[in-house]
C-alpha atoms as a PDB file:
ATOM      1  CA  MET A   1     -86.107 -15.483 -15.754  1.00  0.00           C
ATOM      2  CA  PRO A   2     -84.217 -16.979 -18.735  1.00  0.00           C
ATOM      3  CA  PHE A   3     -84.700 -20.713 -19.298  1.00  0.00           C
ATOM      4  CA  ALA A   4     -87.212 -20.914 -16.452  1.00  0.00           C
ATOM      5  CA  ASP A   5     -88.437 -24.343 -17.531  1.00  0.00           C
ATOM      6  CA  LEU A   6     -85.002 -25.852 -17.991  1.00  0.00           C
ATOM      7  CA  ALA A   7     -85.150 -28.107 -14.916  1.00  0.00           C
ATOM      8  CA  GLU A   8     -88.384 -29.643 -16.210  1.00  0.00           C
ATOM      9  CA  ARG A   9     -86.860 -30.185 -19.657  1.00  0.00           C
ATOM     10  CA  VAL A  10     -83.847 -31.858 -18.089  1.00  0.00           C
ATOM     11  CA  GLN A  11     -86.063 -34.212 -16.106  1.00  0.00           C
ATOM     12  CA  VAL A  12     -87.953 -35.262 -19.240  1.00  0.00           C
ATOM     13  CA  LEU A  13     -84.686 -35.788 -21.130  1.00  0.00           C
ATOM     14  CA  ARG A  14     -83.212 -37.880 -18.335  1.00  0.00           C
ATOM     15  CA  GLU A  15     -86.288 -40.092 -18.372  1.00  0.00           C
ATOM     16  CA  ARG A  16     -86.088 -40.547 -22.139  1.00  0.00           C
ATOM     17  CA  ILE A  17     -82.371 -41.262 -21.955  1.00  0.00           C
ATOM     18  CA  ALA A  18     -82.888 -43.860 -19.230  1.00  0.00           C
ATOM     19  CA  ALA A  19     -85.589 -45.563 -21.282  1.00  0.00           C
ATOM     20  CA  ALA A  20     -83.354 -45.557 -24.382  1.00  0.00           C
ATOM     21  CA  ALA A  21     -80.445 -47.005 -22.401  1.00  0.00           C
ATOM     22  CA  ALA A  22     -82.683 -49.784 -21.121  1.00  0.00           C
ATOM     23  CA  ARG A  23     -83.855 -50.571 -24.672  1.00  0.00           C
ATOM     24  CA  GLY A  24     -80.278 -50.641 -25.957  1.00  0.00           C
ATOM     25  CA  GLY A  25     -79.031 -52.985 -23.272  1.00  0.00           C
ATOM     26  CA  HIS A  26     -75.479 -51.582 -23.074  1.00  0.00           C
ATOM     27  CA  ALA A  27     -75.831 -50.748 -19.364  1.00  0.00           C
ATOM     28  CA  GLN A  28     -73.918 -47.484 -19.762  1.00  0.00           C
ATOM     29  CA  ALA A  29     -74.172 -44.311 -17.754  1.00  0.00           C
ATOM     30  CA  VAL A  30     -75.071 -41.315 -19.923  1.00  0.00           C
ATOM     31  CA  ARG A  31     -74.105 -37.690 -19.373  1.00  0.00           C
ATOM     32  CA  ILE A  32     -75.785 -34.733 -21.049  1.00  0.00           C
ATOM     33  CA  VAL A  33     -73.425 -32.129 -22.497  1.00  0.00           C
ATOM     34  CA  ALA A  34     -75.399 -28.882 -22.619  1.00  0.00           C
ATOM     35  CA  VAL A  35     -74.471 -27.141 -25.870  1.00  0.00           C
ATOM     36  CA  THR A  36     -74.688 -23.404 -25.225  1.00  0.00           C
ATOM     37  CA  LYS A  37     -73.262 -22.055 -28.478  1.00  0.00           C
ATOM     38  CA  THR A  38     -74.771 -18.689 -29.531  1.00  0.00           C
ATOM     39  CA  HIS A  39     -76.508 -18.398 -26.145  1.00  0.00           C
ATOM     40  CA  GLY A  40     -75.126 -16.125 -23.463  1.00  0.00           C
ATOM     41  CA  PRO A  41     -73.393 -16.971 -20.194  1.00  0.00           C
ATOM     42  CA  ASP A  42     -76.816 -17.170 -18.542  1.00  0.00           C
ATOM     43  CA  ALA A  43     -77.389 -20.448 -20.383  1.00  0.00           C
ATOM     44  CA  VAL A  44     -74.311 -21.924 -18.691  1.00  0.00           C
ATOM     45  CA  ASP A  45     -75.486 -20.845 -15.246  1.00  0.00           C
ATOM     46  CA  ALA A  46     -78.989 -22.128 -15.953  1.00  0.00           C
ATOM     47  CA  ALA A  47     -77.611 -25.495 -17.073  1.00  0.00           C
ATOM     48  CA  TYR A  48     -75.592 -25.845 -13.897  1.00  0.00           C
ATOM     49  CA  ALA A  49     -78.561 -24.881 -11.729  1.00  0.00           C
ATOM     50  CA  ALA A  50     -80.615 -27.551 -13.524  1.00  0.00           C
ATOM     51  CA  GLY A  51     -78.048 -30.215 -12.677  1.00  0.00           C
ATOM     52  CA  LEU A  52     -76.085 -30.242 -15.937  1.00  0.00           C
ATOM     53  CA  HIS A  53     -72.411 -29.897 -15.078  1.00  0.00           C
ATOM     54  CA  ASP A  54     -71.008 -30.530 -18.581  1.00  0.00           C
ATOM     55  CA  VAL A  55     -71.136 -27.673 -21.096  1.00  0.00           C
ATOM     56  CA  GLY A  56     -70.150 -27.886 -24.756  1.00  0.00           C
ATOM     57  CA  GLU A  57     -68.967 -25.111 -27.045  1.00  0.00           C
ATOM     58  CA  ASN A  58     -68.047 -25.207 -30.726  1.00  0.00           C
ATOM     59  CA  LYS A  59     -65.690 -22.241 -30.902  1.00  0.00           C
ATOM     60  CA  VAL A  60     -62.756 -21.419 -28.673  1.00  0.00           C
ATOM     61  CA  GLN A  61     -63.313 -17.646 -28.633  1.00  0.00           C
ATOM     62  CA  GLU A  62     -66.981 -17.888 -27.709  1.00  0.00           C
ATOM     63  CA  ALA A  63     -66.190 -20.451 -25.032  1.00  0.00           C
ATOM     64  CA  THR A  64     -63.438 -18.420 -23.398  1.00  0.00           C
ATOM     65  CA  ARG A  65     -65.670 -15.338 -23.219  1.00  0.00           C
ATOM     66  CA  LYS A  66     -68.246 -17.384 -21.321  1.00  0.00           C
ATOM     67  CA  MET A  67     -65.609 -18.948 -19.097  1.00  0.00           C
ATOM     68  CA  ASP A  68     -64.587 -15.470 -18.042  1.00  0.00           C
ATOM     69  CA  ALA A  69     -68.197 -14.444 -17.382  1.00  0.00           C
ATOM     70  CA  VAL A  70     -69.555 -17.378 -15.334  1.00  0.00           C
ATOM     71  CA  SER A  71     -68.688 -18.715 -11.903  1.00  0.00           C
ATOM     72  CA  SER A  72     -70.543 -22.029 -12.123  1.00  0.00           C
ATOM     73  CA  PRO A  73     -67.921 -24.809 -11.867  1.00  0.00           C
ATOM     74  CA  VAL A  74     -68.912 -26.663 -15.017  1.00  0.00           C
ATOM     75  CA  ARG A  75     -66.777 -29.067 -17.024  1.00  0.00           C
ATOM     76  CA  TRP A  76     -66.025 -27.463 -20.390  1.00  0.00           C
ATOM     77  CA  HIS A  77     -66.107 -29.555 -23.572  1.00  0.00           C
ATOM     78  CA  LEU A  78     -64.753 -28.329 -26.900  1.00  0.00           C
ATOM     79  CA  ILE A  79     -67.004 -30.077 -29.392  1.00  0.00           C
ATOM     80  CA  GLY A  80     -66.123 -28.159 -32.552  1.00  0.00           C
ATOM     81  CA  HIS A  81     -63.060 -28.277 -34.772  1.00  0.00           C
ATOM     82  CA  LEU A  82     -59.856 -27.035 -33.166  1.00  0.00           C
ATOM     83  CA  GLN A  83     -57.339 -25.166 -35.289  1.00  0.00           C
ATOM     84  CA  ARG A  84     -53.819 -26.403 -34.658  1.00  0.00           C
ATOM     85  CA  ASN A  85     -52.550 -22.902 -33.850  1.00  0.00           C
ATOM     86  CA  LYS A  86     -55.081 -22.597 -31.002  1.00  0.00           C
ATOM     87  CA  GLY A  87     -53.906 -25.652 -29.114  1.00  0.00           C
ATOM     88  CA  GLU A  88     -53.001 -23.677 -26.005  1.00  0.00           C
ATOM     89  CA  ALA A  89     -56.711 -23.038 -25.467  1.00  0.00           C
ATOM     90  CA  LEU A  90     -57.024 -26.686 -24.469  1.00  0.00           C
ATOM     91  CA  ASN A  91     -55.697 -25.735 -21.055  1.00  0.00           C
ATOM     92  CA  ARG A  92     -59.134 -24.273 -20.345  1.00  0.00           C
ATOM     93  CA  PHE A  93     -61.155 -27.300 -21.456  1.00  0.00           C
ATOM     94  CA  ASP A  94     -61.747 -30.610 -19.710  1.00  0.00           C
ATOM     95  CA  LEU A  95     -62.347 -32.661 -22.856  1.00  0.00           C
ATOM     96  CA  LEU A  96     -61.695 -32.229 -26.580  1.00  0.00           C
ATOM     97  CA  HIS A  97     -64.309 -34.079 -28.645  1.00  0.00           C
ATOM     98  CA  SER A  98     -62.854 -33.461 -32.085  1.00  0.00           C
ATOM     99  CA  LEU A  99     -59.397 -35.010 -32.477  1.00  0.00           C
ATOM    100  CA  ASP A 100     -59.934 -35.399 -36.211  1.00  0.00           C
ATOM    101  CA  SER A 101     -56.517 -35.725 -37.850  1.00  0.00           C
ATOM    102  CA  ALA A 102     -52.984 -36.941 -37.278  1.00  0.00           C
ATOM    103  CA  ARG A 103     -51.649 -33.382 -37.574  1.00  0.00           C
ATOM    104  CA  LEU A 104     -54.032 -32.149 -34.898  1.00  0.00           C
ATOM    105  CA  ALA A 105     -53.046 -35.098 -32.708  1.00  0.00           C
ATOM    106  CA  ASP A 106     -49.414 -33.981 -32.944  1.00  0.00           C
ATOM    107  CA  ALA A 107     -50.365 -30.424 -31.932  1.00  0.00           C
ATOM    108  CA  VAL A 108     -52.452 -31.634 -28.991  1.00  0.00           C
ATOM    109  CA  HIS A 109     -49.642 -33.952 -27.943  1.00  0.00           C
ATOM    110  CA  ALA A 110     -47.281 -30.964 -27.826  1.00  0.00           C
ATOM    111  CA  VAL A 111     -49.692 -29.110 -25.532  1.00  0.00           C
ATOM    112  CA  GLY A 112     -49.884 -32.089 -23.201  1.00  0.00           C
ATOM    113  CA  LEU A 113     -46.121 -32.428 -23.036  1.00  0.00           C
ATOM    114  CA  ALA A 114     -45.624 -28.719 -22.406  1.00  0.00           C
ATOM    115  CA  ARG A 115     -47.968 -28.700 -19.437  1.00  0.00           C
ATOM    116  CA  GLU A 116     -46.772 -32.120 -18.229  1.00  0.00           C
ATOM    117  CA  ARG A 117     -50.317 -33.468 -18.187  1.00  0.00           C
ATOM    118  CA  PRO A 118     -52.001 -35.289 -21.072  1.00  0.00           C
ATOM    119  CA  VAL A 119     -54.920 -33.686 -22.878  1.00  0.00           C
ATOM    120  CA  ASP A 120     -58.093 -35.766 -22.615  1.00  0.00           C
ATOM    121  CA  ALA A 121     -59.484 -36.175 -26.116  1.00  0.00           C
ATOM    122  CA  LEU A 122     -61.984 -38.157 -28.139  1.00  0.00           C
ATOM    123  CA  VAL A 123     -61.038 -39.447 -31.569  1.00  0.00           C
ATOM    124  CA  GLN A 124     -63.495 -38.185 -34.168  1.00  0.00           C
ATOM    125  CA  VAL A 125     -64.572 -40.887 -36.612  1.00  0.00           C
ATOM    126  CA  ASN A 126     -66.228 -40.350 -39.970  1.00  0.00           C
ATOM    127  CA  VAL A 127     -68.054 -43.633 -40.378  1.00  0.00           C
ATOM    128  CA  LEU A 128     -69.698 -42.842 -43.714  1.00  0.00           C
ATOM    129  CA  GLY A 129     -66.706 -41.040 -45.226  1.00  0.00           C
ATOM    130  CA  GLU A 130     -68.623 -37.790 -45.637  1.00  0.00           C
ATOM    131  CA  THR A 131     -66.524 -35.229 -47.479  1.00  0.00           C
ATOM    132  CA  THR A 132     -68.055 -32.356 -45.504  1.00  0.00           C
ATOM    133  CA  LYS A 133     -66.840 -33.731 -42.170  1.00  0.00           C
ATOM    134  CA  GLY A 134     -63.458 -34.392 -40.663  1.00  0.00           C
ATOM    135  CA  GLY A 135     -62.417 -37.433 -38.742  1.00  0.00           C
ATOM    136  CA  PHE A 136     -60.802 -40.808 -39.256  1.00  0.00           C
ATOM    137  CA  GLY A 137     -62.355 -43.536 -41.356  1.00  0.00           C
ATOM    138  CA  LEU A 138     -62.796 -46.946 -39.779  1.00  0.00           C
ATOM    139  CA  THR A 139     -60.308 -48.537 -42.177  1.00  0.00           C
ATOM    140  CA  GLU A 140     -57.505 -46.158 -41.176  1.00  0.00           C
ATOM    141  CA  LEU A 141     -58.291 -46.198 -37.487  1.00  0.00           C
ATOM    142  CA  PRO A 142     -56.261 -49.277 -36.442  1.00  0.00           C
ATOM    143  CA  ALA A 143     -53.039 -47.717 -37.738  1.00  0.00           C
ATOM    144  CA  GLN A 144     -53.914 -44.344 -36.214  1.00  0.00           C
ATOM    145  CA  ALA A 145     -54.813 -45.983 -32.900  1.00  0.00           C
ATOM    146  CA  GLU A 146     -51.372 -47.575 -32.822  1.00  0.00           C
ATOM    147  CA  ARG A 147     -49.717 -44.269 -33.683  1.00  0.00           C
ATOM    148  CA  LEU A 148     -51.595 -42.495 -30.903  1.00  0.00           C
ATOM    149  CA  THR A 149     -50.146 -44.871 -28.323  1.00  0.00           C
ATOM    150  CA  GLY A 150     -46.818 -43.110 -28.854  1.00  0.00           C
ATOM    151  CA  LEU A 151     -48.243 -39.627 -28.251  1.00  0.00           C
ATOM    152  CA  HIS A 152     -48.001 -39.406 -24.483  1.00  0.00           C
ATOM    153  CA  GLY A 153     -49.342 -35.864 -24.402  1.00  0.00           C
ATOM    154  CA  VAL A 154     -52.767 -37.184 -25.422  1.00  0.00           C
ATOM    155  CA  ARG A 155     -55.054 -39.427 -23.403  1.00  0.00           C
ATOM    156  CA  VAL A 156     -57.549 -41.045 -25.767  1.00  0.00           C
ATOM    157  CA  ALA A 157     -60.733 -41.157 -23.708  1.00  0.00           C
ATOM    158  CA  GLY A 158     -63.035 -42.487 -26.418  1.00  0.00           C
ATOM    159  CA  VAL A 159     -64.754 -41.658 -29.698  1.00  0.00           C
ATOM    160  CA  MET A 160     -66.933 -38.902 -31.105  1.00  0.00           C
ATOM    161  CA  THR A 161     -69.061 -39.003 -34.224  1.00  0.00           C
ATOM    162  CA  MET A 162     -71.799 -37.033 -35.960  1.00  0.00           C
ATOM    163  CA  ALA A 163     -74.515 -38.578 -38.092  1.00  0.00           C
ATOM    164  CA  PRO A 164     -76.030 -36.792 -41.105  1.00  0.00           C
ATOM    165  CA  PHE A 165     -78.643 -34.357 -39.800  1.00  0.00           C
ATOM    166  CA  GLU A 166     -81.623 -35.784 -41.691  1.00  0.00           C
ATOM    167  CA  ALA A 167     -80.515 -39.422 -41.759  1.00  0.00           C
ATOM    168  CA  ASP A 168     -83.048 -42.216 -41.504  1.00  0.00           C
ATOM    169  CA  GLU A 169     -82.936 -44.647 -38.601  1.00  0.00           C
ATOM    170  CA  GLU A 170     -80.971 -47.289 -40.489  1.00  0.00           C
ATOM    171  CA  THR A 171     -78.242 -44.769 -41.341  1.00  0.00           C
ATOM    172  CA  LEU A 172     -78.167 -43.448 -37.798  1.00  0.00           C
ATOM    173  CA  ARG A 173     -77.671 -46.924 -36.403  1.00  0.00           C
ATOM    174  CA  THR A 174     -74.943 -47.624 -38.963  1.00  0.00           C
ATOM    175  CA  VAL A 175     -73.055 -44.500 -37.887  1.00  0.00           C
ATOM    176  CA  PHE A 176     -73.466 -45.060 -34.159  1.00  0.00           C
ATOM    177  CA  ALA A 177     -72.612 -48.753 -34.317  1.00  0.00           C
ATOM    178  CA  GLY A 178     -69.535 -47.802 -36.352  1.00  0.00           C
ATOM    179  CA  ALA A 179     -68.440 -45.438 -33.603  1.00  0.00           C
ATOM    180  CA  ARG A 180     -68.901 -48.206 -31.074  1.00  0.00           C
ATOM    181  CA  ARG A 181     -66.684 -50.419 -33.210  1.00  0.00           C
ATOM    182  CA  ALA A 182     -64.115 -47.618 -33.386  1.00  0.00           C
ATOM    183  CA  ARG A 183     -63.988 -47.471 -29.618  1.00  0.00           C
ATOM    184  CA  GLU A 184     -63.359 -51.212 -29.519  1.00  0.00           C
ATOM    185  CA  LEU A 185     -60.412 -50.719 -31.877  1.00  0.00           C
ATOM    186  CA  LEU A 186     -58.961 -48.049 -29.605  1.00  0.00           C
ATOM    187  CA  VAL A 187     -59.368 -50.239 -26.542  1.00  0.00           C
ATOM    188  CA  ALA A 188     -57.680 -53.115 -28.369  1.00  0.00           C
ATOM    189  CA  ALA A 189     -54.726 -50.794 -29.059  1.00  0.00           C
ATOM    190  CA  GLY A 190     -54.397 -50.076 -25.352  1.00  0.00           C
ATOM    191  CA  HIS A 191     -56.241 -46.774 -24.990  1.00  0.00           C
ATOM    192  CA  PRO A 192     -58.496 -46.055 -21.973  1.00  0.00           C
ATOM    193  CA  ALA A 193     -61.363 -45.336 -24.346  1.00  0.00           C
ATOM    194  CA  THR A 194     -64.579 -45.479 -22.337  1.00  0.00           C
ATOM    195  CA  GLU A 195     -66.578 -42.593 -23.805  1.00  0.00           C
ATOM    196  CA  LEU A 196     -68.868 -42.521 -26.846  1.00  0.00           C
ATOM    197  CA  SER A 197     -69.911 -38.967 -27.706  1.00  0.00           C
ATOM    198  CA  MET A 198     -72.738 -39.229 -30.203  1.00  0.00           C
ATOM    199  CA  GLY A 199     -76.278 -38.042 -30.548  1.00  0.00           C
ATOM    200  CA  MET A 200     -77.748 -34.549 -30.672  1.00  0.00           C
ATOM    201  CA  SER A 201     -81.205 -33.075 -30.171  1.00  0.00           C
ATOM    202  CA  ASN A 202     -82.661 -34.832 -33.221  1.00  0.00           C
ATOM    203  CA  ASP A 203     -81.208 -38.313 -32.713  1.00  0.00           C
ATOM    204  CA  TYR A 204     -80.028 -38.696 -29.119  1.00  0.00           C
ATOM    205  CA  GLU A 205     -82.398 -41.540 -28.195  1.00  0.00           C
ATOM    206  CA  ILE A 206     -81.130 -43.781 -30.997  1.00  0.00           C
ATOM    207  CA  ALA A 207     -77.549 -42.840 -30.075  1.00  0.00           C
ATOM    208  CA  VAL A 208     -78.164 -43.909 -26.479  1.00  0.00           C
ATOM    209  CA  GLU A 209     -79.724 -47.169 -27.658  1.00  0.00           C
ATOM    210  CA  GLU A 210     -76.480 -47.765 -29.562  1.00  0.00           C
ATOM    211  CA  GLY A 211     -74.279 -47.087 -26.537  1.00  0.00           C
ATOM    212  CA  ALA A 212     -73.685 -43.329 -26.277  1.00  0.00           C
ATOM    213  CA  THR A 213     -72.192 -42.180 -22.970  1.00  0.00           C
ATOM    214  CA  LEU A 214     -72.215 -38.471 -23.866  1.00  0.00           C
ATOM    215  CA  VAL A 215     -75.061 -36.776 -25.752  1.00  0.00           C
ATOM    216  CA  ARG A 216     -74.618 -33.220 -27.019  1.00  0.00           C
ATOM    217  CA  LEU A 217     -77.927 -31.394 -26.565  1.00  0.00           C
ATOM    218  CA  GLY A 218     -78.723 -27.784 -27.340  1.00  0.00           C
ATOM    219  CA  THR A 219     -82.072 -27.074 -28.969  1.00  0.00           C
ATOM    220  CA  VAL A 220     -84.074 -29.491 -26.801  1.00  0.00           C
ATOM    221  CA  LEU A 221     -82.671 -27.737 -23.733  1.00  0.00           C
ATOM    222  CA  PHE A 222     -82.547 -24.066 -24.647  1.00  0.00           C
ATOM    223  CA  GLY A 223     -84.897 -23.754 -27.610  1.00  0.00           C
ATOM    224  CA  ALA A 224     -83.989 -22.334 -31.003  1.00  0.00           C
ATOM    225  CA  ARG A 225     -80.622 -20.599 -31.120  1.00  0.00           C
ATOM    226  CA  PRO A 226     -80.524 -16.804 -31.357  1.00  0.00           C
ATOM    227  CA  THR A 227     -79.903 -15.536 -34.890  1.00  0.00           C
END
């Protein structure tokens, strides 16, 4: 049976997450987003059976194939970059993690208006200004937060960030604390920003200590990805 030990892995992860939350002292609830990219639909069903009801995918096409193949009533998260011309795909997702530019915000806003229901989205922040990643810098975020208040087709539910993969602990904490600050800026602008999506298999405990409410876990759940 594929992923036969998944329930045990989930239990261990929940215990580690609870301990990290206690150390951090932010008193937040934390949800695991099971990242099933490159795995088959059986990974989605296994995640749901193990008590994980949030599933993350990086690519729209891969996600929609799995949506059509599984019956488990999971909440679908788009965690990868969304091309503006694929905005209609948002109708099949519960949460967009990667609202990373003003132009994409306009496209998402149009989708929300067309369906007469706002798109739930997280603002992606690029705390360190890495050229290889998208997202808003902290210095530009106040102006963008104000602009987003006028886009009624988007509901800004919080912030997403990614730390450098091999960052040391000091850098990780800088990135995650910066995302927490970004969420405060969004709240100050009037957005219902409660979520902090940050932390992956290699750094999720530090992310939770810094206030993460959503952690995006793949390898620690499903093992190495198929090649």
